[in-house]
C-alpha atoms as a PDB file:
ATOM      1  CA  MET A   1       0.000   0.000   0.000  1.00  0.00           C
ATOM      2  CA  VAL A   2       1.321   3.434  -0.933  1.00  0.00           C
ATOM      3  CA  SER A   3       1.413   5.808   2.008  1.00  0.00           C
ATOM      4  CA  PHE A   4       0.561   9.449   1.523  1.00  0.00           C
ATOM      5  CA  ASP A   5       1.306  12.283   3.899  1.00  0.00           C
ATOM      6  CA  PRO A   6      -0.931  15.242   3.080  1.00  0.00           C
ATOM      7  CA  PRO A   7       0.525  18.747   3.176  1.00  0.00           C
ATOM      8  CA  GLN A   8       0.428  20.499   6.518  1.00  0.00           C
ATOM      9  CA  VAL A   9      -2.237  23.209   6.533  1.00  0.00           C
ATOM     10  CA  TYR A  10      -1.976  26.426   8.509  1.00  0.00           C
ATOM     11  CA  GLY A  11      -4.172  29.496   8.317  1.00  0.00           C
ATOM     12  CA  ILE A  12      -5.028  32.938   9.541  1.00  0.00           C
ATOM     13  CA  ILE A  13      -8.407  33.847  11.031  1.00  0.00           C
ATOM     14  CA  GLY A  14      -9.780  37.354  11.254  1.00  0.00           C
ATOM     15  CA  GLN A  15     -12.111  39.818   9.597  1.00  0.00           C
ATOM     16  CA  PRO A  16     -11.230  41.439   7.233  1.00  0.00           C
ATOM     17  CA  LEU A  17      -8.202  39.577   5.855  1.00  0.00           C
ATOM     18  CA  GLY A  18      -7.688  41.230   2.484  1.00  0.00           C
ATOM     19  CA  HIS A  19      -4.784  43.272   3.874  1.00  0.00           C
ATOM     20  CA  SER A  20      -2.919  40.372   5.504  1.00  0.00           C
ATOM     21  CA  LEU A  21       0.560  39.387   4.328  1.00  0.00           C
ATOM     22  CA  SER A  22       0.644  36.299   6.580  1.00  0.00           C
ATOM     23  CA  PRO A  23      -0.346  33.780   3.856  1.00  0.00           C
ATOM     24  CA  MET A  24       2.397  35.012   1.525  1.00  0.00           C
ATOM     25  CA  VAL A  25       5.069  35.356   4.213  1.00  0.00           C
ATOM     26  CA  HIS A  26       4.603  31.970   5.888  1.00  0.00           C
ATOM     27  CA  THR A  27       3.991  30.026   2.675  1.00  0.00           C
ATOM     28  CA  THR A  28       7.149  31.574   1.201  1.00  0.00           C
ATOM     29  CA  GLY A  29       9.000  30.472   4.316  1.00  0.00           C
ATOM     30  CA  PHE A  30       7.701  26.908   4.079  1.00  0.00           C
ATOM     31  CA  LYS A  31       8.647  26.619   0.411  1.00  0.00           C
ATOM     32  CA  SER A  32      12.088  28.180   0.944  1.00  0.00           C
ATOM     33  CA  LEU A  33      12.838  25.396   3.425  1.00  0.00           C
ATOM     34  CA  GLY A  34      11.339  22.663   1.233  1.00  0.00           C
ATOM     35  CA  LEU A  35       8.477  22.012   3.659  1.00  0.00           C
ATOM     36  CA  ASP A  36       5.223  20.588   2.301  1.00  0.00           C
ATOM     37  CA  ALA A  37       3.006  23.151   3.975  1.00  0.00           C
ATOM     38  CA  VAL A  38       0.809  26.122   3.175  1.00  0.00           C
ATOM     39  CA  LEU A  39      -0.880  28.937   5.120  1.00  0.00           C
ATOM     40  CA  VAL A  40      -4.261  30.087   3.834  1.00  0.00           C
ATOM     41  CA  PRO A  41      -6.688  32.863   4.826  1.00  0.00           C
ATOM     42  CA  TRP A  42      -9.828  31.859   6.715  1.00  0.00           C
ATOM     43  CA  PRO A  43     -12.079  34.948   6.894  1.00  0.00           C
ATOM     44  CA  LEU A  44     -15.050  34.255   9.131  1.00  0.00           C
ATOM     45  CA  GLY A  45     -17.719  36.004  11.142  1.00  0.00           C
ATOM     46  CA  PRO A  46     -17.793  35.673  14.941  1.00  0.00           C
ATOM     47  CA  GLU A  47     -20.711  33.244  14.800  1.00  0.00           C
ATOM     48  CA  LYS A  48     -18.456  30.801  12.906  1.00  0.00           C
ATOM     49  CA  LEU A  49     -15.710  30.518  15.553  1.00  0.00           C
ATOM     50  CA  PRO A  50     -17.126  27.316  17.153  1.00  0.00           C
ATOM     51  CA  LEU A  51     -17.409  25.697  13.703  1.00  0.00           C
ATOM     52  CA  PHE A  52     -13.875  26.765  12.873  1.00  0.00           C
ATOM     53  CA  PHE A  53     -12.424  24.968  15.881  1.00  0.00           C
ATOM     54  CA  GLU A  54     -14.480  21.863  15.130  1.00  0.00           C
ATOM     55  CA  ALA A  55     -12.997  21.864  11.640  1.00  0.00           C
ATOM     56  CA  PHE A  56      -9.515  22.550  13.039  1.00  0.00           C
ATOM     57  CA  ARG A  57      -9.713  19.407  15.154  1.00  0.00           C
ATOM     58  CA  LEU A  58     -11.464  17.240  12.583  1.00  0.00           C
ATOM     59  CA  LEU A  59      -9.150  18.081   9.696  1.00  0.00           C
ATOM     60  CA  ASN A  60      -5.967  18.156  11.789  1.00  0.00           C
ATOM     61  CA  PHE A  61      -4.934  21.666  10.837  1.00  0.00           C
ATOM     62  CA  GLN A  62      -1.511  22.393  12.286  1.00  0.00           C
ATOM     63  CA  GLY A  63      -1.717  26.003  13.320  1.00  0.00           C
ATOM     64  CA  ALA A  64      -3.083  29.470  12.721  1.00  0.00           C
ATOM     65  CA  CYS A  65      -2.346  33.144  13.087  1.00  0.00           C
ATOM     66  CA  VAL A  66      -5.081  35.094  14.859  1.00  0.00           C
ATOM     67  CA  THR A  67      -5.770  38.740  14.059  1.00  0.00           C
ATOM     68  CA  LEU A  68      -8.515  41.319  14.605  1.00  0.00           C
ATOM     69  CA  PRO A  69     -11.083  40.910  16.021  1.00  0.00           C
ATOM     70  CA  TYR A  70     -10.507  37.414  17.458  1.00  0.00           C
ATOM     71  CA  LYS A  71      -7.353  37.609  19.607  1.00  0.00           C
ATOM     72  CA  GLU A  72      -9.454  37.476  22.755  1.00  0.00           C
ATOM     73  CA  ALA A  73     -12.476  35.582  21.438  1.00  0.00           C
ATOM     74  CA  VAL A  74     -10.480  32.391  20.663  1.00  0.00           C
ATOM     75  CA  LEU A  75      -9.364  31.834  24.267  1.00  0.00           C
ATOM     76  CA  PRO A  76     -12.291  29.594  25.358  1.00  0.00           C
ATOM     77  CA  PHE A  77     -11.734  27.232  22.409  1.00  0.00           C
ATOM     78  CA  LEU A  78      -8.112  26.334  23.206  1.00  0.00           C
ATOM     79  CA  ASP A  79      -6.864  23.331  25.207  1.00  0.00           C
ATOM     80  CA  GLU A  80      -3.849  25.136  26.660  1.00  0.00           C
ATOM     81  CA  ILE A  81      -2.753  28.781  26.822  1.00  0.00           C
ATOM     82  CA  SER A  82       0.738  30.083  27.565  1.00  0.00           C
ATOM     83  CA  ASP A  83       1.331  32.178  30.670  1.00  0.00           C
ATOM     84  CA  LEU A  84       2.127  35.180  28.468  1.00  0.00           C
ATOM     85  CA  ALA A  85      -1.080  34.867  26.452  1.00  0.00           C
ATOM     86  CA  ARG A  86      -3.071  34.439  29.652  1.00  0.00           C
ATOM     87  CA  ALA A  87      -1.497  37.558  31.157  1.00  0.00           C
ATOM     88  CA  LEU A  88      -2.274  39.516  27.994  1.00  0.00           C
ATOM     89  CA  GLY A  89      -5.742  38.033  27.630  1.00  0.00           C
ATOM     90  CA  ALA A  90      -5.021  37.645  23.909  1.00  0.00           C
ATOM     91  CA  VAL A  91      -3.722  35.003  21.497  1.00  0.00           C
ATOM     92  CA  ASN A  92      -2.229  35.574  18.060  1.00  0.00           C
ATOM     93  CA  LEU A  93      -0.731  32.098  17.545  1.00  0.00           C
ATOM     94  CA  ILE A  94      -2.355  28.654  17.557  1.00  0.00           C
ATOM     95  CA  TYR A  95      -0.255  25.507  17.318  1.00  0.00           C
ATOM     96  CA  ARG A  96      -0.396  21.780  17.954  1.00  0.00           C
ATOM     97  CA  GLN A  97       1.287  20.505  21.106  1.00  0.00           C
ATOM     98  CA  ASP A  98       4.664  18.911  20.288  1.00  0.00           C
ATOM     99  CA  GLY A  99       3.941  19.442  16.588  1.00  0.00           C
ATOM    100  CA  ARG A 100       1.729  16.343  16.483  1.00  0.00           C
ATOM    101  CA  ARG A 101      -1.104  16.254  13.980  1.00  0.00           C
ATOM    102  CA  ASP A 102      -3.486  15.142  16.734  1.00  0.00           C
ATOM    103  CA  GLY A 103      -1.885  17.159  19.532  1.00  0.00           C
ATOM    104  CA  LEU A 104      -3.704  19.505  21.872  1.00  0.00           C
ATOM    105  CA  ILE A 105      -4.558  22.922  20.423  1.00  0.00           C
ATOM    106  CA  CYS A 106      -2.442  25.534  22.188  1.00  0.00           C
ATOM    107  CA  GLY A 107      -2.424  29.325  22.155  1.00  0.00           C
ATOM    108  CA  ASP A 108       0.430  31.790  22.572  1.00  0.00           C
ATOM    109  CA  ASN A 109       1.187  35.435  21.862  1.00  0.00           C
ATOM    110  CA  THR A 110       4.177  36.658  19.840  1.00  0.00           C
ATOM    111  CA  ASP A 111       3.088  40.317  19.667  1.00  0.00           C
ATOM    112  CA  VAL A 112       5.289  41.380  22.596  1.00  0.00           C
ATOM    113  CA  LEU A 113       8.418  40.081  20.843  1.00  0.00           C
ATOM    114  CA  GLY A 114       7.290  41.624  17.588  1.00  0.00           C
ATOM    115  CA  PHE A 115       6.586  45.006  19.154  1.00  0.00           C
ATOM    116  CA  LEU A 116       9.972  45.129  20.872  1.00  0.00           C
ATOM    117  CA  ALA A 117      12.016  44.171  17.794  1.00  0.00           C
ATOM    118  CA  PRO A 118      12.347  47.672  16.236  1.00  0.00           C
ATOM    119  CA  LEU A 119      12.657  49.456  19.606  1.00  0.00           C
ATOM    120  CA  LYS A 120      15.721  47.619  20.909  1.00  0.00           C
ATOM    121  CA  ASP A 121      18.216  50.060  19.413  1.00  0.00           C
ATOM    122  CA  ARG A 122      16.208  53.240  19.894  1.00  0.00           C
ATOM    123  CA  GLY A 123      17.768  54.111  23.240  1.00  0.00           C
ATOM    124  CA  LEU A 124      14.502  55.177  24.837  1.00  0.00           C
ATOM    125  CA  SER A 125      14.870  56.802  28.247  1.00  0.00           C
ATOM    126  CA  PRO A 126      12.835  55.417  31.173  1.00  0.00           C
ATOM    127  CA  ASP A 127      11.370  58.927  31.356  1.00  0.00           C
ATOM    128  CA  THR A 128      10.065  58.866  27.776  1.00  0.00           C
ATOM    129  CA  ARG A 129       6.386  59.785  27.907  1.00  0.00           C
ATOM    130  CA  VAL A 130       4.213  57.398  25.910  1.00  0.00           C
ATOM    131  CA  LEU A 131       0.722  57.770  24.513  1.00  0.00           C
ATOM    132  CA  LEU A 132      -0.804  54.401  23.609  1.00  0.00           C
ATOM    133  CA  LEU A 133      -3.806  54.636  21.298  1.00  0.00           C
ATOM    134  CA  GLY A 134      -6.096  51.618  21.506  1.00  0.00           C
ATOM    135  CA  ALA A 135      -6.996  49.079  24.157  1.00  0.00           C
ATOM    136  CA  GLY A 136      -7.430  45.746  22.335  1.00  0.00           C
ATOM    137  CA  GLY A 137      -5.112  42.749  22.073  1.00  0.00           C
ATOM    138  CA  ALA A 138      -2.343  44.584  20.213  1.00  0.00           C
ATOM    139  CA  ALA A 139      -2.445  47.448  22.711  1.00  0.00           C
ATOM    140  CA  ARG A 140      -2.130  45.020  25.625  1.00  0.00           C
ATOM    141  CA  ALA A 141       0.967  43.508  23.996  1.00  0.00           C
ATOM    142  CA  ALA A 142       2.404  46.986  23.441  1.00  0.00           C
ATOM    143  CA  ALA A 143       1.740  47.925  27.077  1.00  0.00           C
ATOM    144  CA  MET A 144       3.521  44.832  28.363  1.00  0.00           C
ATOM    145  CA  ALA A 145       6.443  45.408  25.987  1.00  0.00           C
ATOM    146  CA  LEU A 146       6.831  49.066  27.011  1.00  0.00           C
ATOM    147  CA  LYS A 147       6.832  48.010  30.654  1.00  0.00           C
ATOM    148  CA  LYS A 148       9.568  45.478  29.865  1.00  0.00           C
ATOM    149  CA  LEU A 149      11.624  48.339  28.405  1.00  0.00           C
ATOM    150  CA  GLY A 150      11.357  50.112  31.738  1.00  0.00           C
ATOM    151  CA  LEU A 151       9.215  53.010  30.548  1.00  0.00           C
ATOM    152  CA  LYS A 152       7.263  54.532  33.423  1.00  0.00           C
ATOM    153  CA  ASP A 153       5.033  57.285  32.033  1.00  0.00           C
ATOM    154  CA  LEU A 154       2.400  55.566  29.879  1.00  0.00           C
ATOM    155  CA  THR A 155      -1.079  56.865  29.084  1.00  0.00           C
ATOM    156  CA  VAL A 156      -3.685  54.858  27.210  1.00  0.00           C
ATOM    157  CA  CYS A 157      -6.833  56.054  25.484  1.00  0.00           C
ATOM    158  CA  ALA A 158      -9.240  54.598  22.941  1.00  0.00           C
ATOM    159  CA  PRO A 159     -12.608  55.440  21.382  1.00  0.00           C
ATOM    160  CA  SER A 160     -14.237  53.261  24.049  1.00  0.00           C
ATOM    161  CA  ASP A 161     -13.503  54.750  27.474  1.00  0.00           C
ATOM    162  CA  ARG A 162     -14.222  51.494  29.332  1.00  0.00           C
ATOM    163  CA  ARG A 163     -11.472  49.341  27.838  1.00  0.00           C
ATOM    164  CA  PRO A 164      -8.633  51.838  28.447  1.00  0.00           C
ATOM    165  CA  THR A 165      -9.570  51.869  32.126  1.00  0.00           C
ATOM    166  CA  GLU A 166      -9.331  48.075  32.252  1.00  0.00           C
ATOM    167  CA  LEU A 167      -5.984  48.103  30.428  1.00  0.00           C
ATOM    168  CA  ALA A 168      -4.631  50.851  32.686  1.00  0.00           C
ATOM    169  CA  ARG A 169      -5.613  48.888  35.775  1.00  0.00           C
ATOM    170  CA  ALA A 170      -4.004  45.683  34.463  1.00  0.00           C
ATOM    171  CA  PHE A 171      -0.623  47.232  33.586  1.00  0.00           C
ATOM    172  CA  GLY A 172      -0.367  50.242  35.875  1.00  0.00           C
ATOM    173  CA  LEU A 173      -0.941  52.872  33.181  1.00  0.00           C
ATOM    174  CA  LYS A 174      -2.773  56.171  33.212  1.00  0.00           C
ATOM    175  CA  ALA A 175      -6.058  56.355  31.282  1.00  0.00           C
ATOM    176  CA  ALA A 176      -7.379  59.422  29.494  1.00  0.00           C
ATOM    177  CA  PRO A 177     -10.543  60.174  27.512  1.00  0.00           C
ATOM    178  CA  TRP A 178     -10.225  59.795  23.755  1.00  0.00           C
ATOM    179  CA  ASP A 179     -11.211  63.406  23.091  1.00  0.00           C
ATOM    180  CA  ARG A 180      -8.352  64.634  25.344  1.00  0.00           C
ATOM    181  CA  ARG A 181      -5.571  62.677  23.618  1.00  0.00           C
ATOM    182  CA  GLY A 182      -4.152  65.759  21.891  1.00  0.00           C
ATOM    183  CA  GLU A 183      -3.482  67.372  25.285  1.00  0.00           C
ATOM    184  CA  ILE A 184      -1.314  64.565  26.691  1.00  0.00           C
ATOM    185  CA  PRO A 185       2.458  65.322  26.776  1.00  0.00           C
ATOM    186  CA  CYS A 186       4.349  62.554  24.968  1.00  0.00           C
ATOM    187  CA  GLU A 187       7.515  61.772  23.018  1.00  0.00           C
ATOM    188  CA  LEU A 188       6.340  58.370  21.741  1.00  0.00           C
ATOM    189  CA  VAL A 189       2.907  57.792  20.215  1.00  0.00           C
ATOM    190  CA  VAL A 190       1.838  54.225  19.408  1.00  0.00           C
ATOM    191  CA  ASN A 191      -1.149  53.517  17.180  1.00  0.00           C
ATOM    192  CA  ALA A 192      -2.658  50.190  18.214  1.00  0.00           C
ATOM    193  CA  THR A 193      -6.061  50.947  16.654  1.00  0.00           C
ATOM    194  CA  PRO A 194      -7.251  49.853  13.168  1.00  0.00           C
ATOM    195  CA  LEU A 195      -7.446  53.511  12.075  1.00  0.00           C
ATOM    196  CA  GLY A 196      -5.459  53.842   8.852  1.00  0.00           C
ATOM    197  CA  LEU A 197      -5.896  50.200   7.805  1.00  0.00           C
ATOM    198  CA  LYS A 198      -6.257  49.717   4.068  1.00  0.00           C
ATOM    199  CA  GLY A 199      -9.792  48.937   2.980  1.00  0.00           C
ATOM    200  CA  ARG A 200     -11.237  49.743   6.391  1.00  0.00           C
ATOM    201  CA  ALA A 201     -10.242  53.192   7.649  1.00  0.00           C
ATOM    202  CA  GLU A 202      -7.421  54.158   5.307  1.00  0.00           C
ATOM    203  CA  ASP A 203      -8.227  57.882   5.245  1.00  0.00           C
ATOM    204  CA  GLU A 204      -8.401  58.156   9.032  1.00  0.00           C
ATOM    205  CA  THR A 205      -5.756  58.806  11.669  1.00  0.00           C
ATOM    206  CA  PRO A 206      -5.953  58.399  15.436  1.00  0.00           C
ATOM    207  CA  TYR A 207      -3.666  61.359  16.160  1.00  0.00           C
ATOM    208  CA  ALA A 208      -2.944  64.751  14.602  1.00  0.00           C
ATOM    209  CA  TRP A 209      -0.951  66.735  17.219  1.00  0.00           C
ATOM    210  CA  PHE A 210       2.665  66.276  16.100  1.00  0.00           C
ATOM    211  CA  ALA A 211       3.615  69.890  15.366  1.00  0.00           C
ATOM    212  CA  GLY A 212       6.009  71.870  17.548  1.00  0.00           C
ATOM    213  CA  ARG A 213       8.104  69.122  19.133  1.00  0.00           C
ATOM    214  CA  PRO A 214      10.229  66.070  18.192  1.00  0.00           C
ATOM    215  CA  GLY A 215       9.149  62.520  18.859  1.00  0.00           C
ATOM    216  CA  LEU A 216       8.725  58.968  17.612  1.00  0.00           C
ATOM    217  CA  ALA A 217       5.526  57.682  15.984  1.00  0.00           C
ATOM    218  CA  TYR A 218       5.026  53.891  15.873  1.00  0.00           C
ATOM    219  CA  ASP A 219       2.119  52.502  13.831  1.00  0.00           C
ATOM    220  CA  LEU A 220       1.130  48.844  14.214  1.00  0.00           C
ATOM    221  CA  VAL A 221      -0.875  49.031  10.976  1.00  0.00           C
ATOM    222  CA  TYR A 222       1.279  47.774   8.087  1.00  0.00           C
ATOM    223  CA  THR A 223      -1.044  48.047   5.082  1.00  0.00           C
ATOM    224  CA  PRO A 224      -0.527  50.631   3.753  1.00  0.00           C
ATOM    225  CA  ARG A 225       3.044  50.812   4.936  1.00  0.00           C
ATOM    226  CA  THR A 226       2.975  54.596   5.203  1.00  0.00           C
ATOM    227  CA  THR A 227      -0.348  55.422   6.843  1.00  0.00           C
ATOM    228  CA  ARG A 228      -1.802  58.885   7.206  1.00  0.00           C
ATOM    229  CA  PHE A 229      -0.672  58.754  10.860  1.00  0.00           C
ATOM    230  CA  LEU A 230       2.957  58.186   9.802  1.00  0.00           C
ATOM    231  CA  ALA A 231       2.833  60.619   6.880  1.00  0.00           C
ATOM    232  CA  GLU A 232       1.683  63.441   9.143  1.00  0.00           C
ATOM    233  CA  ALA A 233       4.298  62.543  11.763  1.00  0.00           C
ATOM    234  CA  LEU A 234       7.023  62.638   9.106  1.00  0.00           C
ATOM    235  CA  ALA A 235       5.812  65.980   7.816  1.00  0.00           C
ATOM    236  CA  ALA A 236       6.165  67.364  11.349  1.00  0.00           C
ATOM    237  CA  GLY A 237       9.738  66.089  11.643  1.00  0.00           C
ATOM    238  CA  TRP A 238       9.095  63.041  13.812  1.00  0.00           C
ATOM    239  CA  GLU A 239      10.942  59.738  13.516  1.00  0.00           C
ATOM    240  CA  THR A 240       8.685  56.837  12.525  1.00  0.00           C
ATOM    241  CA  ILE A 241       8.426  53.061  12.705  1.00  0.00           C
ATOM    242  CA  ASP A 242       5.982  51.408  10.344  1.00  0.00           C
ATOM    243  CA  GLY A 243       3.917  48.337  11.143  1.00  0.00           C
ATOM    244  CA  LEU A 244       5.966  45.982   8.973  1.00  0.00           C
ATOM    245  CA  ALA A 245       8.581  45.957  11.735  1.00  0.00           C
ATOM    246  CA  MET A 246       6.263  44.436  14.333  1.00  0.00           C
ATOM    247  CA  PHE A 247       4.591  42.183  11.776  1.00  0.00           C
ATOM    248  CA  LEU A 248       7.858  40.527  10.759  1.00  0.00           C
ATOM    249  CA  GLY A 249       9.056  40.238  14.344  1.00  0.00           C
ATOM    250  CA  GLN A 250       5.951  38.409  15.515  1.00  0.00           C
ATOM    251  CA  ALA A 251       5.764  36.333  12.301  1.00  0.00           C
ATOM    252  CA  GLU A 252       9.273  34.992  12.842  1.00  0.00           C
ATOM    253  CA  ALA A 253       8.329  33.883  16.362  1.00  0.00           C
ATOM    254  CA  GLN A 254       5.230  32.136  14.978  1.00  0.00           C
ATOM    255  CA  PHE A 255       7.200  30.364  12.254  1.00  0.00           C
ATOM    256  CA  LEU A 256       9.824  29.218  14.756  1.00  0.00           C
ATOM    257  CA  THR A 257       7.118  27.737  16.991  1.00  0.00           C
ATOM    258  CA  TRP A 258       5.588  25.786  14.094  1.00  0.00           C
ATOM    259  CA  THR A 259       8.761  24.552  12.400  1.00  0.00           C
ATOM    260  CA  GLY A 260      11.607  24.894  14.896  1.00  0.00           C
ATOM    261  CA  ARG A 261      13.463  26.910  12.239  1.00  0.00           C
ATOM    262  CA  PRO A 262      13.933  30.655  11.638  1.00  0.00           C
ATOM    263  CA  LEU A 263      11.803  32.335   9.010  1.00  0.00           C
ATOM    264  CA  PRO A 264      13.950  32.603   5.853  1.00  0.00           C
ATOM    265  CA  PRO A 265      14.980  36.150   4.803  1.00  0.00           C
ATOM    266  CA  GLU A 266      13.188  35.661   1.491  1.00  0.00           C
ATOM    267  CA  ALA A 267       9.861  35.849   3.323  1.00  0.00           C
ATOM    268  CA  GLY A 268      10.684  39.278   4.751  1.00  0.00           C
ATOM    269  CA  ARG A 269      11.810  40.575   1.371  1.00  0.00           C
ATOM    270  CA  LYS A 270       8.580  39.413  -0.232  1.00  0.00           C
ATOM    271  CA  ALA A 271       6.555  41.233   2.429  1.00  0.00           C
ATOM    272  CA  ALA A 272       8.421  44.496   1.851  1.00  0.00           C
ATOM    273  CA  GLU A 273       8.052  44.175  -1.930  1.00  0.00           C
ATOM    274  CA  ALA A 274       4.314  43.577  -1.613  1.00  0.00           C
ATOM    275  CA  LEU A 275       3.743  46.923   0.082  1.00  0.00           C
ATOM    276  CA  GLU A 276       3.997  50.250  -1.650  1.00  0.00           C
ATOM    277  CA  PRO A 277       7.369  51.915  -1.047  1.00  0.00           C
ATOM    278  CA  ALA A 278       7.676  53.393   2.411  1.00  0.00           C
ATOM    279  CA  SER A 279       9.030  56.858   3.041  1.00  0.00           C
ATOM    280  CA  PRO A 280      12.846  56.816   3.415  1.00  0.00           C
ATOM    281  CA  ALA A 281      12.365  58.106   6.959  1.00  0.00           C
ATOM    282  CA  CYS A 282      10.452  54.967   7.906  1.00  0.00           C
ATOM    283  CA  GLN A 283      12.613  52.243   9.343  1.00  0.00           C
ATOM    284  CA  ASP A 284      13.533  49.600   6.754  1.00  0.00           C
ATOM    285  CA  MET A 285      12.846  46.238   8.378  1.00  0.00           C
ATOM    286  CA  THR A 286      13.544  43.984   5.372  1.00  0.00           C
ATOM    287  CA  GLY A 287      16.682  42.793   7.138  1.00  0.00           C
ATOM    288  CA  LEU A 288      14.937  42.069  10.440  1.00  0.00           C
ATOM    289  CA  ILE A 289      14.788  38.391   9.629  1.00  0.00           C
END
């Protein structure tokens, strides 16, 4: 009898997914290493999450990336959750225990590592004042990462005033109303909202008070690579970090969990080529991996 090992199937769940580079990046990585595997997009509505996990178990899918708006919603469907993901209350990585096709379904979070990657050489002072925009899963990862860097003066605000209060309480931050964000003194502004995302809120920006002082603007949105938020920061003379930096950092950690091997550089180059050219002032992260 001829044996046949089917390809390993990975995916990404979220809504919308048209902007995501994960299928291209991870599939390029698999093929570069000669692995018989593919990562495909699985766009689904929230009512389909239970069915998704039934299919995941039944069809022995090997893993998945998790993006907006499901980083918190997937938690009840997992067999095991890492301490980091539990502390964040958010998962962006699903994998099979011990890499077995029938292993337990586990959840982890690589966003903290991804967020920190482009900040390591920035030489931020512990006294750097930070304004964190957003209070979802990505914002929680950013808050934990900024705390790990030793930053002490962090203020969070988001369109919903309830969630920033919860995030502030969990990580020892200050919370401010969304309509007061332009009044908060800061040298680092982090956009962890979907504002600026291609196909969703591309013409919008969460912040427009850059003039009159230097600073660093960090956008977690990576499509488009130069968002309105970053373009206006650049015009005001601020340094910027685009969202491709965090994306590649967290993607490498995901790939390493699934395969035990680093993500090949070719995958990072493909991601950079797929986006429109970034402003020269934006950090070039094609060499990150």
